[in-house]
């Protein structure tokens, strides 16, 4: 896809990160959004990455995790200096990704994050949560102590099935919205609503917590994306409809 046709797709306006996983081999994956963030594929020990081709012919990336220990998984990493535009605080942002997560083991699984817990930044993670199968969003804000973080979540993210995640946050609005396959979900917020994350100088990662040694993502993933604006429901639906046939959804 050339840049001209890429720009003509309305939903790609203000796209900061776009990882289509087209490489099919190697230890780097390339950002096709205009900022072109360098991301590396990190394997600290027992886990591995597997490039996988779906029946439709689409190449996706599998995060093979062997347990919950400090070297049991794999992750993608972008250095703090190279991901300053992901340092969301008071403004709008959106996050999207196709996922097929494996809940075996029962630990929380980080999808995407740039944060230090109870200090700064934002995170998105999956959890079995007593069978609710939640996608949780957390903003950390030490500056608002004793309220160190604020949380919200959506439910029904069934392991072992493909789903398109969408998250839209409007700056100044305390209630971000999650979408699954282009449909707005019922949301659960704590009493404070979602307060602004504190500014954060921290590594960006896909697939593990900020310490880079736990909360491993386990399963398949395709095309993580980040925008510095809040996508509408129509935009999420358009993206889903354009891509769903690859996954048989």
C-alpha atoms as a PDB file:
ATOM      1  CA  UNK A   1       0.000   0.000   0.000  1.00  0.00           C
ATOM      2  CA  UNK A   2       1.565   3.327  -0.997  1.00  0.00           C
ATOM      3  CA  UNK A   3       1.401   6.429   1.175  1.00  0.00           C
ATOM      4  CA  UNK A   4      -1.017   8.213  -1.140  1.00  0.00           C
ATOM      5  CA  UNK A   5      -3.692   5.525  -0.891  1.00  0.00           C
ATOM      6  CA  UNK A   6      -2.924   5.120   2.808  1.00  0.00           C
ATOM      7  CA  UNK A   7      -3.668   8.812   3.392  1.00  0.00           C
ATOM      8  CA  UNK A   8      -6.966   8.568   1.547  1.00  0.00           C
ATOM      9  CA  UNK A   9      -8.414   6.199   4.147  1.00  0.00           C
ATOM     10  CA  UNK A  10     -10.302   8.485   6.537  1.00  0.00           C
ATOM     11  CA  UNK A  11      -9.761   6.278   9.581  1.00  0.00           C
ATOM     12  CA  UNK A  12      -5.985   6.581   9.195  1.00  0.00           C
ATOM     13  CA  UNK A  13      -6.042  10.307   9.987  1.00  0.00           C
ATOM     14  CA  UNK A  14      -3.748  11.033  12.969  1.00  0.00           C
ATOM     15  CA  UNK A  15      -2.540   7.435  13.091  1.00  0.00           C
ATOM     16  CA  UNK A  16       0.629   7.255  15.198  1.00  0.00           C
ATOM     17  CA  UNK A  17       1.320   3.508  15.167  1.00  0.00           C
ATOM     18  CA  UNK A  18       0.401   0.816  12.644  1.00  0.00           C
ATOM     19  CA  UNK A  19       2.008  -2.641  12.893  1.00  0.00           C
ATOM     20  CA  UNK A  20       0.586  -4.865  10.138  1.00  0.00           C
ATOM     21  CA  UNK A  21       3.089  -7.689  10.839  1.00  0.00           C
ATOM     22  CA  UNK A  22       3.901  -8.188   7.168  1.00  0.00           C
ATOM     23  CA  UNK A  23       7.494  -9.268   7.736  1.00  0.00           C
ATOM     24  CA  UNK A  24       6.791 -12.933   8.337  1.00  0.00           C
ATOM     25  CA  UNK A  25      10.298 -13.411   9.704  1.00  0.00           C
ATOM     26  CA  UNK A  26      12.996 -11.715  11.742  1.00  0.00           C
ATOM     27  CA  UNK A  27      13.276  -9.867  15.040  1.00  0.00           C
ATOM     28  CA  UNK A  28      11.865  -6.467  14.070  1.00  0.00           C
ATOM     29  CA  UNK A  29       8.387  -5.376  13.089  1.00  0.00           C
ATOM     30  CA  UNK A  30       7.901  -2.168  11.148  1.00  0.00           C
ATOM     31  CA  UNK A  31       5.558   0.713  11.875  1.00  0.00           C
ATOM     32  CA  UNK A  32       3.710   1.730   8.695  1.00  0.00           C
ATOM     33  CA  UNK A  33       2.265   4.905  10.233  1.00  0.00           C
ATOM     34  CA  UNK A  34       4.102   8.088   9.283  1.00  0.00           C
ATOM     35  CA  UNK A  35       6.066   8.447  12.567  1.00  0.00           C
ATOM     36  CA  UNK A  36       7.747   5.068  11.832  1.00  0.00           C
ATOM     37  CA  UNK A  37       8.524   4.085  15.410  1.00  0.00           C
ATOM     38  CA  UNK A  38      11.320   1.494  15.697  1.00  0.00           C
ATOM     39  CA  UNK A  39      10.041  -1.507  17.677  1.00  0.00           C
ATOM     40  CA  UNK A  40      12.030  -4.601  18.541  1.00  0.00           C
ATOM     41  CA  UNK A  41      10.829  -8.126  19.297  1.00  0.00           C
ATOM     42  CA  UNK A  42      12.193  -9.116  22.707  1.00  0.00           C
ATOM     43  CA  UNK A  43      12.611 -12.684  23.964  1.00  0.00           C
ATOM     44  CA  UNK A  44      14.093 -12.749  27.493  1.00  0.00           C
ATOM     45  CA  UNK A  45      14.167 -16.538  27.784  1.00  0.00           C
ATOM     46  CA  UNK A  46      11.609 -19.300  27.506  1.00  0.00           C
ATOM     47  CA  UNK A  47       8.943 -17.766  25.297  1.00  0.00           C
ATOM     48  CA  UNK A  48       9.024 -17.214  21.551  1.00  0.00           C
ATOM     49  CA  UNK A  49       7.433 -15.406  18.642  1.00  0.00           C
ATOM     50  CA  UNK A  50       5.851 -17.428  15.848  1.00  0.00           C
ATOM     51  CA  UNK A  51       4.874 -15.867  12.535  1.00  0.00           C
ATOM     52  CA  UNK A  52       1.565 -17.527  11.666  1.00  0.00           C
ATOM     53  CA  UNK A  53      -0.451 -17.464   8.435  1.00  0.00           C
ATOM     54  CA  UNK A  54      -4.235 -17.713   8.783  1.00  0.00           C
ATOM     55  CA  UNK A  55      -6.388 -19.713   6.373  1.00  0.00           C
ATOM     56  CA  UNK A  56      -7.229 -16.402   4.674  1.00  0.00           C
ATOM     57  CA  UNK A  57      -3.533 -15.860   3.926  1.00  0.00           C
ATOM     58  CA  UNK A  58      -3.104 -13.063   6.475  1.00  0.00           C
ATOM     59  CA  UNK A  59       0.149 -13.040   8.454  1.00  0.00           C
ATOM     60  CA  UNK A  60      -0.321 -12.589  12.220  1.00  0.00           C
ATOM     61  CA  UNK A  61       2.063 -12.781  15.165  1.00  0.00           C
ATOM     62  CA  UNK A  62       1.760 -15.367  17.929  1.00  0.00           C
ATOM     63  CA  UNK A  63       3.119 -14.598  21.397  1.00  0.00           C
ATOM     64  CA  UNK A  64       4.138 -18.012  22.743  1.00  0.00           C
ATOM     65  CA  UNK A  65       4.233 -17.887  26.544  1.00  0.00           C
ATOM     66  CA  UNK A  66       5.275 -20.910  28.612  1.00  0.00           C
ATOM     67  CA  UNK A  67       4.309 -19.593  32.064  1.00  0.00           C
ATOM     68  CA  UNK A  68       4.014 -16.568  34.293  1.00  0.00           C
ATOM     69  CA  UNK A  69       7.667 -16.341  35.345  1.00  0.00           C
ATOM     70  CA  UNK A  70      10.122 -13.539  34.679  1.00  0.00           C
ATOM     71  CA  UNK A  71      11.500 -14.958  31.417  1.00  0.00           C
ATOM     72  CA  UNK A  72       8.490 -17.009  30.278  1.00  0.00           C
ATOM     73  CA  UNK A  73       7.081 -14.676  27.624  1.00  0.00           C
ATOM     74  CA  UNK A  74       7.927 -12.282  24.808  1.00  0.00           C
ATOM     75  CA  UNK A  75       7.071  -8.672  24.015  1.00  0.00           C
ATOM     76  CA  UNK A  76       7.505  -5.779  21.609  1.00  0.00           C
ATOM     77  CA  UNK A  77       9.405  -2.754  22.869  1.00  0.00           C
ATOM     78  CA  UNK A  78       9.721   0.883  21.853  1.00  0.00           C
ATOM     79  CA  UNK A  79      12.160   3.053  23.779  1.00  0.00           C
ATOM     80  CA  UNK A  80      10.757   5.991  25.715  1.00  0.00           C
ATOM     81  CA  UNK A  81      12.682   8.478  23.570  1.00  0.00           C
ATOM     82  CA  UNK A  82      11.150   6.983  20.412  1.00  0.00           C
ATOM     83  CA  UNK A  83       7.541   6.908  21.665  1.00  0.00           C
ATOM     84  CA  UNK A  84       7.057  10.389  23.134  1.00  0.00           C
ATOM     85  CA  UNK A  85       3.895  10.793  21.050  1.00  0.00           C
ATOM     86  CA  UNK A  86       2.302   7.937  23.055  1.00  0.00           C
ATOM     87  CA  UNK A  87       2.654   9.986  26.260  1.00  0.00           C
ATOM     88  CA  UNK A  88      -1.077  10.686  26.545  1.00  0.00           C
ATOM     89  CA  UNK A  89      -2.218  12.930  29.386  1.00  0.00           C
ATOM     90  CA  UNK A  90      -5.112  15.391  28.995  1.00  0.00           C
ATOM     91  CA  UNK A  91      -5.779  14.849  25.297  1.00  0.00           C
ATOM     92  CA  UNK A  92      -7.652  12.454  23.026  1.00  0.00           C
ATOM     93  CA  UNK A  93      -6.361   9.034  22.004  1.00  0.00           C
ATOM     94  CA  UNK A  94      -7.553   5.744  20.515  1.00  0.00           C
ATOM     95  CA  UNK A  95      -6.112   2.234  20.538  1.00  0.00           C
ATOM     96  CA  UNK A  96      -7.092  -0.640  18.247  1.00  0.00           C
ATOM     97  CA  UNK A  97      -5.914  -4.213  17.678  1.00  0.00           C
ATOM     98  CA  UNK A  98      -7.117  -7.632  16.524  1.00  0.00           C
ATOM     99  CA  UNK A  99      -6.619 -10.190  19.295  1.00  0.00           C
ATOM    100  CA  UNK A 100      -7.122 -13.892  19.905  1.00  0.00           C
ATOM    101  CA  UNK A 101      -5.897 -14.279  23.470  1.00  0.00           C
ATOM    102  CA  UNK A 102      -5.222 -17.473  25.428  1.00  0.00           C
ATOM    103  CA  UNK A 103      -6.235 -17.212  29.098  1.00  0.00           C
ATOM    104  CA  UNK A 104      -4.445 -20.422  30.158  1.00  0.00           C
ATOM    105  CA  UNK A 105      -2.523 -19.716  33.349  1.00  0.00           C
ATOM    106  CA  UNK A 106      -4.963 -17.141  34.646  1.00  0.00           C
ATOM    107  CA  UNK A 107      -2.654 -14.118  34.930  1.00  0.00           C
ATOM    108  CA  UNK A 108      -3.542 -10.646  33.676  1.00  0.00           C
ATOM    109  CA  UNK A 109      -2.214 -10.174  30.133  1.00  0.00           C
ATOM    110  CA  UNK A 110      -0.954  -6.796  28.972  1.00  0.00           C
ATOM    111  CA  UNK A 111      -2.083  -5.836  25.503  1.00  0.00           C
ATOM    112  CA  UNK A 112      -0.454  -2.444  25.137  1.00  0.00           C
ATOM    113  CA  UNK A 113       0.968   0.072  27.608  1.00  0.00           C
ATOM    114  CA  UNK A 114       3.296   2.954  28.374  1.00  0.00           C
ATOM    115  CA  UNK A 115       3.281   3.414  32.144  1.00  0.00           C
ATOM    116  CA  UNK A 116       4.627   2.880  35.651  1.00  0.00           C
ATOM    117  CA  UNK A 117       1.890   1.580  37.909  1.00  0.00           C
ATOM    118  CA  UNK A 118       0.576   4.135  40.424  1.00  0.00           C
ATOM    119  CA  UNK A 119       2.906   6.774  39.008  1.00  0.00           C
ATOM    120  CA  UNK A 120       2.223   7.684  35.396  1.00  0.00           C
ATOM    121  CA  UNK A 121       0.933   6.613  32.002  1.00  0.00           C
ATOM    122  CA  UNK A 122      -1.747   4.276  30.653  1.00  0.00           C
ATOM    123  CA  UNK A 123      -2.275   0.534  30.124  1.00  0.00           C
ATOM    124  CA  UNK A 124      -4.708  -1.943  28.559  1.00  0.00           C
ATOM    125  CA  UNK A 125      -4.847  -5.566  29.718  1.00  0.00           C
ATOM    126  CA  UNK A 126      -7.002  -8.691  29.606  1.00  0.00           C
ATOM    127  CA  UNK A 127      -8.055 -10.665  32.683  1.00  0.00           C
ATOM    128  CA  UNK A 128     -10.213 -13.740  33.296  1.00  0.00           C
ATOM    129  CA  UNK A 129     -11.794 -11.819  36.215  1.00  0.00           C
ATOM    130  CA  UNK A 130     -13.942 -14.640  37.545  1.00  0.00           C
ATOM    131  CA  UNK A 131     -15.105 -15.600  34.070  1.00  0.00           C
ATOM    132  CA  UNK A 132     -16.069 -12.075  32.972  1.00  0.00           C
ATOM    133  CA  UNK A 133     -13.083 -11.961  30.587  1.00  0.00           C
ATOM    134  CA  UNK A 134     -12.404  -8.268  30.924  1.00  0.00           C
ATOM    135  CA  UNK A 135     -10.433  -5.678  29.015  1.00  0.00           C
ATOM    136  CA  UNK A 136      -9.241  -3.197  31.628  1.00  0.00           C
ATOM    137  CA  UNK A 137      -7.948   0.318  31.087  1.00  0.00           C
ATOM    138  CA  UNK A 138      -5.900   1.991  33.812  1.00  0.00           C
ATOM    139  CA  UNK A 139      -4.491   5.511  34.110  1.00  0.00           C
ATOM    140  CA  UNK A 140      -1.810   6.138  36.735  1.00  0.00           C
ATOM    141  CA  UNK A 141      -1.440   9.579  38.338  1.00  0.00           C
ATOM    142  CA  UNK A 142       0.900  10.007  41.308  1.00  0.00           C
ATOM    143  CA  UNK A 143       0.206  13.746  41.225  1.00  0.00           C
ATOM    144  CA  UNK A 144      -3.345  13.016  42.457  1.00  0.00           C
ATOM    145  CA  UNK A 145      -2.243  11.002  45.523  1.00  0.00           C
ATOM    146  CA  UNK A 146      -3.741   9.347  47.473  1.00  0.00           C
ATOM    147  CA  UNK A 147      -5.733   8.455  44.311  1.00  0.00           C
ATOM    148  CA  UNK A 148      -2.856   6.811  42.455  1.00  0.00           C
ATOM    149  CA  UNK A 149      -4.799   5.280  39.572  1.00  0.00           C
ATOM    150  CA  UNK A 150      -8.230   5.141  37.961  1.00  0.00           C
ATOM    151  CA  UNK A 151      -9.757   2.156  36.181  1.00  0.00           C
ATOM    152  CA  UNK A 152     -12.526   1.067  33.851  1.00  0.00           C
ATOM    153  CA  UNK A 153     -13.306  -2.160  32.043  1.00  0.00           C
ATOM    154  CA  UNK A 154     -15.521  -3.963  29.546  1.00  0.00           C
ATOM    155  CA  UNK A 155     -16.485  -7.651  29.634  1.00  0.00           C
ATOM    156  CA  UNK A 156     -17.067 -10.571  27.261  1.00  0.00           C
ATOM    157  CA  UNK A 157     -13.618 -10.795  25.645  1.00  0.00           C
ATOM    158  CA  UNK A 158     -13.800 -14.540  25.033  1.00  0.00           C
ATOM    159  CA  UNK A 159     -10.419 -16.311  24.887  1.00  0.00           C
ATOM    160  CA  UNK A 160      -9.674 -18.393  21.812  1.00  0.00           C
ATOM    161  CA  UNK A 161     -11.715 -16.266  19.394  1.00  0.00           C
ATOM    162  CA  UNK A 162     -10.743 -13.370  17.167  1.00  0.00           C
ATOM    163  CA  UNK A 163     -12.090  -9.940  18.151  1.00  0.00           C
ATOM    164  CA  UNK A 164     -11.315  -6.383  17.114  1.00  0.00           C
ATOM    165  CA  UNK A 165     -10.514  -4.168  20.113  1.00  0.00           C
ATOM    166  CA  UNK A 166     -11.300  -0.458  19.970  1.00  0.00           C
ATOM    167  CA  UNK A 167     -10.742   2.105  22.726  1.00  0.00           C
ATOM    168  CA  UNK A 168     -11.617   5.797  22.391  1.00  0.00           C
ATOM    169  CA  UNK A 169     -10.780   8.417  24.989  1.00  0.00           C
ATOM    170  CA  UNK A 170     -11.892  12.045  24.644  1.00  0.00           C
ATOM    171  CA  UNK A 171      -9.715  14.459  26.598  1.00  0.00           C
ATOM    172  CA  UNK A 172     -11.575  15.972  29.550  1.00  0.00           C
ATOM    173  CA  UNK A 173     -14.212  13.232  29.445  1.00  0.00           C
ATOM    174  CA  UNK A 174     -14.034  10.858  32.421  1.00  0.00           C
ATOM    175  CA  UNK A 175     -15.617   7.942  30.552  1.00  0.00           C
ATOM    176  CA  UNK A 176     -13.599   6.290  27.746  1.00  0.00           C
ATOM    177  CA  UNK A 177     -15.519   3.900  25.507  1.00  0.00           C
ATOM    178  CA  UNK A 178     -14.520   0.357  24.517  1.00  0.00           C
ATOM    179  CA  UNK A 179     -15.684  -1.294  21.287  1.00  0.00           C
ATOM    180  CA  UNK A 180     -15.695  -4.925  20.165  1.00  0.00           C
ATOM    181  CA  UNK A 181     -16.050  -5.596  16.440  1.00  0.00           C
ATOM    182  CA  UNK A 182     -17.216  -2.027  15.976  1.00  0.00           C
ATOM    183  CA  UNK A 183     -19.942  -2.213  18.643  1.00  0.00           C
ATOM    184  CA  UNK A 184     -19.941  -0.010  21.742  1.00  0.00           C
ATOM    185  CA  UNK A 185     -19.789  -2.040  24.962  1.00  0.00           C
ATOM    186  CA  UNK A 186     -21.282  -1.564  28.404  1.00  0.00           C
ATOM    187  CA  UNK A 187     -18.585   0.068  30.532  1.00  0.00           C
ATOM    188  CA  UNK A 188     -17.829  -0.135  34.230  1.00  0.00           C
ATOM    189  CA  UNK A 189     -16.076   2.852  35.821  1.00  0.00           C
ATOM    190  CA  UNK A 190     -14.868   3.586  39.312  1.00  0.00           C
ATOM    191  CA  UNK A 191     -16.431   6.535  41.138  1.00  0.00           C
ATOM    192  CA  UNK A 192     -13.782   9.046  40.057  1.00  0.00           C
ATOM    193  CA  UNK A 193     -14.118   8.202  36.382  1.00  0.00           C
ATOM    194  CA  UNK A 194     -10.933   7.973  34.337  1.00  0.00           C
ATOM    195  CA  UNK A 195      -8.678  10.806  35.426  1.00  0.00           C
ATOM    196  CA  UNK A 196      -5.820  12.066  33.256  1.00  0.00           C
ATOM    197  CA  UNK A 197      -2.655   9.954  33.288  1.00  0.00           C
ATOM    198  CA  UNK A 198       0.438  11.762  34.544  1.00  0.00           C
ATOM    199  CA  UNK A 199       3.130  12.461  31.974  1.00  0.00           C
ATOM    200  CA  UNK A 200       5.378   9.433  31.641  1.00  0.00           C
ATOM    201  CA  UNK A 201       8.938   8.862  30.429  1.00  0.00           C
ATOM    202  CA  UNK A 202       8.773   5.097  30.041  1.00  0.00           C
ATOM    203  CA  UNK A 203       9.260   2.254  27.573  1.00  0.00           C
ATOM    204  CA  UNK A 204       6.275   1.420  25.354  1.00  0.00           C
ATOM    205  CA  UNK A 205       5.500  -2.287  25.268  1.00  0.00           C
ATOM    206  CA  UNK A 206       3.093  -4.735  23.684  1.00  0.00           C
ATOM    207  CA  UNK A 207       2.686  -7.994  25.560  1.00  0.00           C
ATOM    208  CA  UNK A 208       4.027  -7.427  29.095  1.00  0.00           C
ATOM    209  CA  UNK A 209       3.998  -5.106  32.125  1.00  0.00           C
ATOM    210  CA  UNK A 210       6.311  -2.107  32.575  1.00  0.00           C
ATOM    211  CA  UNK A 211       8.876  -4.193  34.479  1.00  0.00           C
ATOM    212  CA  UNK A 212       9.265  -6.365  31.356  1.00  0.00           C
ATOM    213  CA  UNK A 213       9.049  -9.600  33.347  1.00  0.00           C
ATOM    214  CA  UNK A 214       5.371 -10.464  33.961  1.00  0.00           C
ATOM    215  CA  UNK A 215       1.757 -10.212  32.757  1.00  0.00           C
ATOM    216  CA  UNK A 216       2.700 -11.804  29.449  1.00  0.00           C
ATOM    217  CA  UNK A 217       0.239 -11.672  26.557  1.00  0.00           C
ATOM    218  CA  UNK A 218      -0.429 -15.191  25.279  1.00  0.00           C
ATOM    219  CA  UNK A 219      -1.968 -15.880  21.884  1.00  0.00           C
ATOM    220  CA  UNK A 220      -2.367 -14.261  18.479  1.00  0.00           C
ATOM    221  CA  UNK A 221      -2.372 -10.589  17.571  1.00  0.00           C
ATOM    222  CA  UNK A 222      -2.610  -8.504  14.409  1.00  0.00           C
ATOM    223  CA  UNK A 223      -2.096  -4.867  13.572  1.00  0.00           C
ATOM    224  CA  UNK A 224      -1.856  -2.883  16.827  1.00  0.00           C
ATOM    225  CA  UNK A 225      -2.728   0.760  16.116  1.00  0.00           C
ATOM    226  CA  UNK A 226      -2.674   4.029  18.073  1.00  0.00           C
ATOM    227  CA  UNK A 227      -4.203   7.408  17.186  1.00  0.00           C
ATOM    228  CA  UNK A 228      -3.890  10.802  18.880  1.00  0.00           C
ATOM    229  CA  UNK A 229      -7.612  11.413  18.456  1.00  0.00           C
ATOM    230  CA  UNK A 230     -10.822   9.716  19.592  1.00  0.00           C
ATOM    231  CA  UNK A 231     -12.314   7.549  16.847  1.00  0.00           C
ATOM    232  CA  UNK A 232     -16.094   7.504  16.504  1.00  0.00           C
ATOM    233  CA  UNK A 233     -18.197   4.342  16.549  1.00  0.00           C
ATOM    234  CA  UNK A 234     -18.712   4.656  12.810  1.00  0.00           C
ATOM    235  CA  UNK A 235     -14.958   4.686  12.270  1.00  0.00           C
ATOM    236  CA  UNK A 236     -14.444   1.595  14.418  1.00  0.00           C
ATOM    237  CA  UNK A 237     -17.242  -0.133  12.508  1.00  0.00           C
ATOM    238  CA  UNK A 238     -15.731   0.823   9.159  1.00  0.00           C
ATOM    239  CA  UNK A 239     -12.361  -0.628  10.114  1.00  0.00           C
ATOM    240  CA  UNK A 240     -13.968  -3.814  11.389  1.00  0.00           C
ATOM    241  CA  UNK A 241     -16.058  -4.320   8.256  1.00  0.00           C
ATOM    242  CA  UNK A 242     -13.041  -3.740   6.039  1.00  0.00           C
ATOM    243  CA  UNK A 243     -10.912  -6.320   7.884  1.00  0.00           C
ATOM    244  CA  UNK A 244     -13.287  -8.932   9.297  1.00  0.00           C
ATOM    245  CA  UNK A 245     -13.115 -11.370   6.395  1.00  0.00           C
ATOM    246  CA  UNK A 246      -9.453 -12.051   7.141  1.00  0.00           C
ATOM    247  CA  UNK A 247     -10.558 -13.592  10.433  1.00  0.00           C
ATOM    248  CA  UNK A 248     -13.829 -15.218   9.454  1.00  0.00           C
ATOM    249  CA  UNK A 249     -15.710 -12.993  11.919  1.00  0.00           C
END
